PDB file of N, CA and C in Angstrom:
ATOM      1  N   MET A   1     118.597 112.491  33.461  1.00  0.00           N
ATOM      2  CA  MET A   1     117.898 111.948  34.590  1.00  0.00           C
ATOM      3  C   MET A   1     118.003 110.406  34.532  1.00  0.00           C
ATOM      4  N   SER A   2     118.370 109.803  35.645  1.00  0.00           N
ATOM      5  CA  SER A   2     118.541 108.353  35.661  1.00  0.00           C
ATOM      6  C   SER A   2     117.173 107.710  35.878  1.00  0.00           C
ATOM      7  N   ARG A   3     117.014 106.553  35.326  1.00  0.00           N
ATOM      8  CA  ARG A   3     115.754 105.826  35.450  1.00  0.00           C
ATOM      9  C   ARG A   3     116.029 104.538  36.252  1.00  0.00           C
ATOM     10  N   VAL A   4     115.118 104.173  37.110  1.00  0.00           N
ATOM     11  CA  VAL A   4     115.191 102.963  37.880  1.00  0.00           C
ATOM     12  C   VAL A   4     114.211 102.009  37.309  1.00  0.00           C
ATOM     13  N   PRO A   5     114.620 100.803  36.940  1.00  0.00           N
ATOM     14  CA  PRO A   5     113.711  99.807  36.437  1.00  0.00           C
ATOM     15  C   PRO A   5     112.601  99.527  37.473  1.00  0.00           C
ATOM     16  N   MET A   6     111.454  99.102  36.959  1.00  0.00           N
ATOM     17  CA  MET A   6     110.350  98.808  37.882  1.00  0.00           C
ATOM     18  C   MET A   6     110.712  97.783  38.928  1.00  0.00           C
ATOM     19  N   SER A   7     111.676  96.939  38.615  1.00  0.00           N
ATOM     20  CA  SER A   7     112.115  95.889  39.573  1.00  0.00           C
ATOM     21  C   SER A   7     113.163  96.520  40.508  1.00  0.00           C
ATOM     22  N   GLY A   8     113.620  97.715  40.263  1.00  0.00           N
ATOM     23  CA  GLY A   8     114.622  98.322  41.099  1.00  0.00           C
ATOM     24  C   GLY A   8     114.122  98.674  42.467  1.00  0.00           C
ATOM     25  N   TYR A   9     115.005  98.925  43.368  1.00  0.00           N
ATOM     26  CA  TYR A   9     114.639  99.174  44.766  1.00  0.00           C
ATOM     27  C   TYR A   9     115.539 100.280  45.247  1.00  0.00           C
ATOM     28  N   ARG A  10     114.947 101.334  45.731  1.00  0.00           N
ATOM     29  CA  ARG A  10     115.701 102.491  46.294  1.00  0.00           C
ATOM     30  C   ARG A  10     115.455 102.520  47.840  1.00  0.00           C
ATOM     31  N   SER A  11     116.520 102.860  48.542  1.00  0.00           N
ATOM     32  CA  SER A  11     116.414 102.896  49.963  1.00  0.00           C
ATOM     33  C   SER A  11     117.335 103.971  50.512  1.00  0.00           C
ATOM     34  N   ILE A  12     117.091 104.349  51.723  1.00  0.00           N
ATOM     35  CA  ILE A  12     117.968 105.296  52.416  1.00  0.00           C
ATOM     36  C   ILE A  12     119.205 104.511  52.889  1.00  0.00           C
ATOM     37  N   THR A  13     120.381 105.043  52.620  1.00  0.00           N
ATOM     38  CA  THR A  13     121.582 104.294  53.022  1.00  0.00           C
ATOM     39  C   THR A  13     122.299 104.901  54.220  1.00  0.00           C
ATOM     40  N   ARG A  14     121.934 106.134  54.555  1.00  0.00           N
ATOM     41  CA  ARG A  14     122.567 106.715  55.736  1.00  0.00           C
ATOM     42  C   ARG A  14     121.658 107.796  56.301  1.00  0.00           C
ATOM     43  N   ARG A  15     121.938 108.173  57.554  1.00  0.00           N
ATOM     44  CA  ARG A  15     121.092 109.201  58.227  1.00  0.00           C
ATOM     45  C   ARG A  15     121.302 110.551  57.562  1.00  0.00           C
ATOM     46  N   VAL A  16     120.224 111.227  57.333  1.00  0.00           N
ATOM     47  CA  VAL A  16     120.257 112.575  56.696  1.00  0.00           C
ATOM     48  C   VAL A  16     119.345 113.474  57.452  1.00  0.00           C
ATOM     49  N   ARG A  17     119.709 114.719  57.624  1.00  0.00           N
ATOM     50  CA  ARG A  17     118.852 115.697  58.311  1.00  0.00           C
ATOM     51  C   ARG A  17     118.760 116.974  57.495  1.00  0.00           C
ATOM     52  N   ALA A  18     117.574 117.539  57.449  1.00  0.00           N
ATOM     53  CA  ALA A  18     117.379 118.852  56.787  1.00  0.00           C
ATOM     54  C   ALA A  18     116.492 119.749  57.663  1.00  0.00           C
ATOM     55  N   GLU A  19     116.804 121.011  57.650  1.00  0.00           N
ATOM     56  CA  GLU A  19     116.005 121.963  58.375  1.00  0.00           C
ATOM     57  C   GLU A  19     115.820 123.247  57.510  1.00  0.00           C
ATOM     58  N   PRO A  20     114.668 123.360  56.872  1.00  0.00           N
ATOM     59  CA  PRO A  20     114.404 124.565  56.052  1.00  0.00           C
ATOM     60  C   PRO A  20     114.219 125.795  56.940  1.00  0.00           C
ATOM     61  N   GLU A  21     114.092 126.897  56.268  1.00  0.00           N
ATOM     62  CA  GLU A  21     113.773 128.187  56.998  1.00  0.00           C
ATOM     63  C   GLU A  21     112.516 127.989  57.839  1.00  0.00           C
ATOM     64  N   LYS A  22     112.462 128.768  58.916  1.00  0.00           N
ATOM     65  CA  LYS A  22     111.238 128.723  59.805  1.00  0.00           C
ATOM     66  C   LYS A  22     110.001 129.115  59.006  1.00  0.00           C
ATOM     67  N   THR A  23     108.890 128.456  59.333  1.00  0.00           N
ATOM     68  CA  THR A  23     107.602 128.772  58.740  1.00  0.00           C
ATOM     69  C   THR A  23     106.662 129.285  59.800  1.00  0.00           C
ATOM     70  N   LYS A  24     106.226 130.515  59.699  1.00  0.00           N
ATOM     71  CA  LYS A  24     105.347 131.105  60.735  1.00  0.00           C
ATOM     72  C   LYS A  24     105.892 130.945  62.109  1.00  0.00           C
ATOM     73  N   GLY A  25     107.257 131.108  62.204  1.00  0.00           N
ATOM     74  CA  GLY A  25     107.946 131.023  63.500  1.00  0.00           C
ATOM     75  C   GLY A  25     108.249 129.640  64.003  1.00  0.00           C
ATOM     76  N   SER A  26     107.879 128.626  63.236  1.00  0.00           N
ATOM     77  CA  SER A  26     108.047 127.226  63.680  1.00  0.00           C
ATOM     78  C   SER A  26     109.225 126.569  62.921  1.00  0.00           C
ATOM     79  N   ARG A  27     109.970 125.752  63.625  1.00  0.00           N
ATOM     80  CA  ARG A  27     111.040 124.945  63.079  1.00  0.00           C
ATOM     81  C   ARG A  27     110.408 123.644  62.603  1.00  0.00           C
ATOM     82  N   HIS A  28     110.851 123.138  61.472  1.00  0.00           N
ATOM     83  CA  HIS A  28     110.480 121.891  60.954  1.00  0.00           C
ATOM     84  C   HIS A  28     111.755 121.148  60.574  1.00  0.00           C
ATOM     85  N   ILE A  29     112.049 120.054  61.272  1.00  0.00           N
ATOM     86  CA  ILE A  29     113.280 119.309  61.081  1.00  0.00           C
ATOM     87  C   ILE A  29     112.947 117.959  60.563  1.00  0.00           C
ATOM     88  N   ALA A  30     113.550 117.565  59.422  1.00  0.00           N
ATOM     89  CA  ALA A  30     113.335 116.250  58.844  1.00  0.00           C
ATOM     90  C   ALA A  30     114.564 115.383  59.047  1.00  0.00           C
ATOM     91  N   THR A  31     114.368 114.191  59.532  1.00  0.00           N
ATOM     92  CA  THR A  31     115.453 113.239  59.712  1.00  0.00           C
ATOM     93  C   THR A  31     115.106 111.955  58.992  1.00  0.00           C
ATOM     94  N   LEU A  32     115.922 111.526  58.056  1.00  0.00           N
ATOM     95  CA  LEU A  32     115.737 110.248  57.353  1.00  0.00           C
ATOM     96  C   LEU A  32     116.774 109.275  57.886  1.00  0.00           C
ATOM     97  N   VAL A  33     116.240 108.078  58.198  1.00  0.00           N
ATOM     98  CA  VAL A  33     117.131 107.040  58.809  1.00  0.00           C
ATOM     99  C   VAL A  33     116.795 105.733  58.195  1.00  0.00           C
ATOM    100  N   PRO A  34     117.834 104.956  57.762  1.00  0.00           N
ATOM    101  CA  PRO A  34     117.520 103.617  57.275  1.00  0.00           C
ATOM    102  C   PRO A  34     117.119 102.722  58.421  1.00  0.00           C
ATOM    103  N   ILE A  35     116.065 101.930  58.222  1.00  0.00           N
ATOM    104  CA  ILE A  35     115.632 100.964  59.272  1.00  0.00           C
ATOM    105  C   ILE A  35     115.575  99.590  58.614  1.00  0.00           C
ATOM    106  N   GLY A  36     115.724  98.574  59.439  1.00  0.00           N
ATOM    107  CA  GLY A  36     115.634  97.215  58.932  1.00  0.00           C
ATOM    108  C   GLY A  36     114.372  96.476  59.375  1.00  0.00           C
ATOM    109  N   SER A  37     113.689  97.045  60.366  1.00  0.00           N
ATOM    110  CA  SER A  37     112.486  96.359  60.888  1.00  0.00           C
ATOM    111  C   SER A  37     111.592  97.445  61.566  1.00  0.00           C
ATOM    112  N   ALA A  38     110.322  97.051  61.672  1.00  0.00           N
ATOM    113  CA  ALA A  38     109.370  97.961  62.340  1.00  0.00           C
ATOM    114  C   ALA A  38     109.733  98.122  63.796  1.00  0.00           C
ATOM    115  N   GLU A  39     110.364  97.146  64.383  1.00  0.00           N
ATOM    116  CA  GLU A  39     110.703  97.163  65.784  1.00  0.00           C
ATOM    117  C   GLU A  39     111.725  98.274  66.098  1.00  0.00           C
ATOM    118  N   GLU A  40     112.512  98.626  65.116  1.00  0.00           N
ATOM    119  CA  GLU A  40     113.553  99.660  65.284  1.00  0.00           C
ATOM    120  C   GLU A  40     112.913 101.084  65.424  1.00  0.00           C
ATOM    121  N   VAL A  41     111.725 101.221  64.973  1.00  0.00           N
ATOM    122  CA  VAL A  41     111.081 102.552  64.900  1.00  0.00           C
ATOM    123  C   VAL A  41     110.909 103.172  66.296  1.00  0.00           C
ATOM    124  N   GLU A  42     110.407 102.453  67.276  1.00  0.00           N
ATOM    125  CA  GLU A  42     110.219 103.021  68.551  1.00  0.00           C
ATOM    126  C   GLU A  42     111.493 103.472  69.192  1.00  0.00           C
ATOM    127  N   ASP A  43     112.562 102.693  69.082  1.00  0.00           N
ATOM    128  CA  ASP A  43     113.833 103.118  69.625  1.00  0.00           C
ATOM    129  C   ASP A  43     114.306 104.472  68.972  1.00  0.00           C
ATOM    130  N   LEU A  44     114.157 104.503  67.620  1.00  0.00           N
ATOM    131  CA  LEU A  44     114.535 105.670  66.901  1.00  0.00           C
ATOM    132  C   LEU A  44     113.705 106.878  67.333  1.00  0.00           C
ATOM    133  N   LEU A  45     112.402 106.673  67.463  1.00  0.00           N
ATOM    134  CA  LEU A  45     111.570 107.813  67.925  1.00  0.00           C
ATOM    135  C   LEU A  45     111.948 108.268  69.341  1.00  0.00           C
ATOM    136  N   ASP A  46     112.233 107.331  70.226  1.00  0.00           N
ATOM    137  CA  ASP A  46     112.683 107.711  71.575  1.00  0.00           C
ATOM    138  C   ASP A  46     113.959 108.537  71.512  1.00  0.00           C
ATOM    139  N   GLU A  47     114.871 108.142  70.610  1.00  0.00           N
ATOM    140  CA  GLU A  47     116.128 108.870  70.450  1.00  0.00           C
ATOM    141  C   GLU A  47     115.819 110.282  69.958  1.00  0.00           C
ATOM    142  N   LEU A  48     115.019 110.451  68.957  1.00  0.00           N
ATOM    143  CA  LEU A  48     114.699 111.774  68.368  1.00  0.00           C
ATOM    144  C   LEU A  48     113.914 112.608  69.368  1.00  0.00           C
ATOM    145  N   ARG A  49     113.031 111.986  70.157  1.00  0.00           N
ATOM    146  CA  ARG A  49     112.296 112.785  71.135  1.00  0.00           C
ATOM    147  C   ARG A  49     113.248 113.285  72.242  1.00  0.00           C
ATOM    148  N   GLY A  50     114.259 112.499  72.533  1.00  0.00           N
ATOM    149  CA  GLY A  50     115.291 112.937  73.505  1.00  0.00           C
ATOM    150  C   GLY A  50     116.185 114.025  72.944  1.00  0.00           C
ATOM    151  N   GLU A  51     116.379 113.997  71.687  1.00  0.00           N
ATOM    152  CA  GLU A  51     117.247 114.998  71.025  1.00  0.00           C
ATOM    153  C   GLU A  51     116.511 116.351  70.884  1.00  0.00           C
ATOM    154  N   PHE A  52     115.184 116.274  70.752  1.00  0.00           N
ATOM    155  CA  PHE A  52     114.339 117.502  70.606  1.00  0.00           C
ATOM    156  C   PHE A  52     113.231 117.433  71.624  1.00  0.00           C
ATOM    157  N   PRO A  53     113.571 117.555  72.903  1.00  0.00           N
ATOM    158  CA  PRO A  53     112.545 117.337  73.973  1.00  0.00           C
ATOM    159  C   PRO A  53     111.497 118.455  74.035  1.00  0.00           C
ATOM    160  N   ILE A  54     111.789 119.621  73.542  1.00  0.00           N
ATOM    161  CA  ILE A  54     110.760 120.717  73.625  1.00  0.00           C
ATOM    162  C   ILE A  54     109.920 120.814  72.416  1.00  0.00           C
ATOM    163  N   ALA A  55     110.053 119.903  71.436  1.00  0.00           N
ATOM    164  CA  ALA A  55     109.201 119.912  70.217  1.00  0.00           C
ATOM    165  C   ALA A  55     107.772 119.658  70.615  1.00  0.00           C
ATOM    166  N   ASN A  56     106.871 120.387  70.002  1.00  0.00           N
ATOM    167  CA  ASN A  56     105.434 120.157  70.267  1.00  0.00           C
ATOM    168  C   ASN A  56     104.924 118.916  69.570  1.00  0.00           C
ATOM    169  N   HIS A  57     105.503 118.518  68.465  1.00  0.00           N
ATOM    170  CA  HIS A  57     105.042 117.408  67.692  1.00  0.00           C
ATOM    171  C   HIS A  57     106.229 116.655  67.122  1.00  0.00           C
ATOM    172  N   HIS A  58     106.132 115.352  67.050  1.00  0.00           N
ATOM    173  CA  HIS A  58     107.125 114.487  66.424  1.00  0.00           C
ATOM    174  C   HIS A  58     106.406 113.673  65.398  1.00  0.00           C
ATOM    175  N   ALA A  59     106.057 114.281  64.265  1.00  0.00           N
ATOM    176  CA  ALA A  59     105.354 113.613  63.173  1.00  0.00           C
ATOM    177  C   ALA A  59     106.392 112.695  62.487  1.00  0.00           C
ATOM    178  N   TYR A  60     105.902 111.504  62.019  1.00  0.00           N
ATOM    179  CA  TYR A  60     106.843 110.569  61.381  1.00  0.00           C
ATOM    180  C   TYR A  60     106.090 109.651  60.420  1.00  0.00           C
ATOM    181  N   ALA A  61     106.890 109.012  59.569  1.00  0.00           N
ATOM    182  CA  ALA A  61     106.385 107.994  58.675  1.00  0.00           C
ATOM    183  C   ALA A  61     107.474 107.022  58.426  1.00  0.00           C
ATOM    184  N   TRP A  62     107.084 105.758  58.178  1.00  0.00           N
ATOM    185  CA  TRP A  62     108.103 104.739  57.805  1.00  0.00           C
ATOM    186  C   TRP A  62     107.483 103.735  56.835  1.00  0.00           C
ATOM    187  N   ARG A  63     108.374 103.132  56.107  1.00  0.00           N
ATOM    188  CA  ARG A  63     107.910 102.157  55.115  1.00  0.00           C
ATOM    189  C   ARG A  63     109.000 101.080  54.965  1.00  0.00           C
ATOM    190  N   LEU A  64     108.563  99.858  54.989  1.00  0.00           N
ATOM    191  CA  LEU A  64     109.501  98.657  54.736  1.00  0.00           C
ATOM    192  C   LEU A  64     109.047  98.065  53.427  1.00  0.00           C
ATOM    193  N   GLY A  65     109.952  97.479  52.713  1.00  0.00           N
ATOM    194  CA  GLY A  65     109.590  96.863  51.410  1.00  0.00           C
ATOM    195  C   GLY A  65     110.120  95.461  51.289  1.00  0.00           C
ATOM    196  N   ARG A  66     110.466  95.156  50.119  1.00  0.00           N
ATOM    197  CA  ARG A  66     110.986  93.816  49.718  1.00  0.00           C
ATOM    198  C   ARG A  66     110.031  92.723  50.133  1.00  0.00           C
ATOM    199  N   ARG A  67     108.824  92.866  49.592  1.00  0.00           N
ATOM    200  CA  ARG A  67     107.726  91.901  49.719  1.00  0.00           C
ATOM    201  C   ARG A  67     107.016  91.894  51.071  1.00  0.00           C
ATOM    202  N   GLY A  68     107.627  92.376  52.114  1.00  0.00           N
ATOM    203  CA  GLY A  68     106.938  92.495  53.374  1.00  0.00           C
ATOM    204  C   GLY A  68     106.428  93.882  53.568  1.00  0.00           C
ATOM    205  N   GLU A  69     105.807  94.433  52.520  1.00  0.00           N
ATOM    206  CA  GLU A  69     105.392  95.845  52.462  1.00  0.00           C
ATOM    207  C   GLU A  69     104.616  96.188  53.759  1.00  0.00           C
ATOM    208  N   ARG A  70     105.100  97.184  54.417  1.00  0.00           N
ATOM    209  CA  ARG A  70     104.381  97.721  55.619  1.00  0.00           C
ATOM    210  C   ARG A  70     104.684  99.224  55.621  1.00  0.00           C
ATOM    211  N   SER A  71     103.707 100.000  56.063  1.00  0.00           N
ATOM    212  CA  SER A  71     103.964 101.449  56.194  1.00  0.00           C
ATOM    213  C   SER A  71     103.081 101.965  57.284  1.00  0.00           C
ATOM    214  N   TYR A  72     103.468 103.131  57.825  1.00  0.00           N
ATOM    215  CA  TYR A  72     102.736 103.737  58.873  1.00  0.00           C
ATOM    216  C   TYR A  72     103.091 105.225  58.912  1.00  0.00           C
ATOM    217  N   TYR A  73     102.187 106.050  59.348  1.00  0.00           N
ATOM    218  CA  TYR A  73     102.531 107.465  59.541  1.00  0.00           C
ATOM    219  C   TYR A  73     101.726 107.997  60.717  1.00  0.00           C
ATOM    220  N   SER A  74     102.228 109.077  61.319  1.00  0.00           N
ATOM    221  CA  SER A  74     101.520 109.772  62.404  1.00  0.00           C
ATOM    222  C   SER A  74     101.823 111.247  62.290  1.00  0.00           C
ATOM    223  N   ASP A  75     100.785 112.086  62.406  1.00  0.00           N
ATOM    224  CA  ASP A  75     101.042 113.511  62.469  1.00  0.00           C
ATOM    225  C   ASP A  75     101.200 114.027  63.888  1.00  0.00           C
ATOM    226  N   ASP A  76     101.109 113.119  64.900  1.00  0.00           N
ATOM    227  CA  ASP A  76     101.353 113.395  66.299  1.00  0.00           C
ATOM    228  C   ASP A  76     100.542 114.642  66.765  1.00  0.00           C
ATOM    229  N   GLY A  77      99.352 114.793  66.189  1.00  0.00           N
ATOM    230  CA  GLY A  77      98.491 115.890  66.563  1.00  0.00           C
ATOM    231  C   GLY A  77      98.802 117.269  65.945  1.00  0.00           C
ATOM    232  N   GLU A  78      99.698 117.219  64.960  1.00  0.00           N
ATOM    233  CA  GLU A  78     100.074 118.500  64.217  1.00  0.00           C
ATOM    234  C   GLU A  78      98.829 119.050  63.569  1.00  0.00           C
ATOM    235  N   PRO A  79      98.497 120.307  63.801  1.00  0.00           N
ATOM    236  CA  PRO A  79      97.318 120.851  63.182  1.00  0.00           C
ATOM    237  C   PRO A  79      97.533 121.006  61.670  1.00  0.00           C
ATOM    238  N   SER A  80      96.435 120.768  60.921  1.00  0.00           N
ATOM    239  CA  SER A  80      96.524 120.915  59.461  1.00  0.00           C
ATOM    240  C   SER A  80      96.424 122.392  59.034  1.00  0.00           C
ATOM    241  N   GLY A  81      96.852 122.665  57.827  1.00  0.00           N
ATOM    242  CA  GLY A  81      96.734 124.032  57.342  1.00  0.00           C
ATOM    243  C   GLY A  81      98.011 124.659  57.289  1.00  0.00           C
TER     244      GLY A  81
END
């Protein structure tokens, strides 16, 4: 197992998508995308909402680092449980 020093920084370098088996008849699709600023998030969300227009929920999370630590998440009304 590789170890990353505490001063190390890991980031997403390319767009990745995963779709596991359906759960209780629902599709759950994860898309990871590198972003450079919080302003890019809304454009990306608009793109994904256009790609999956019949989705009931578009839950998301983002985090920026390198001293300007910022993070946000939304479950978009997804029921818990």
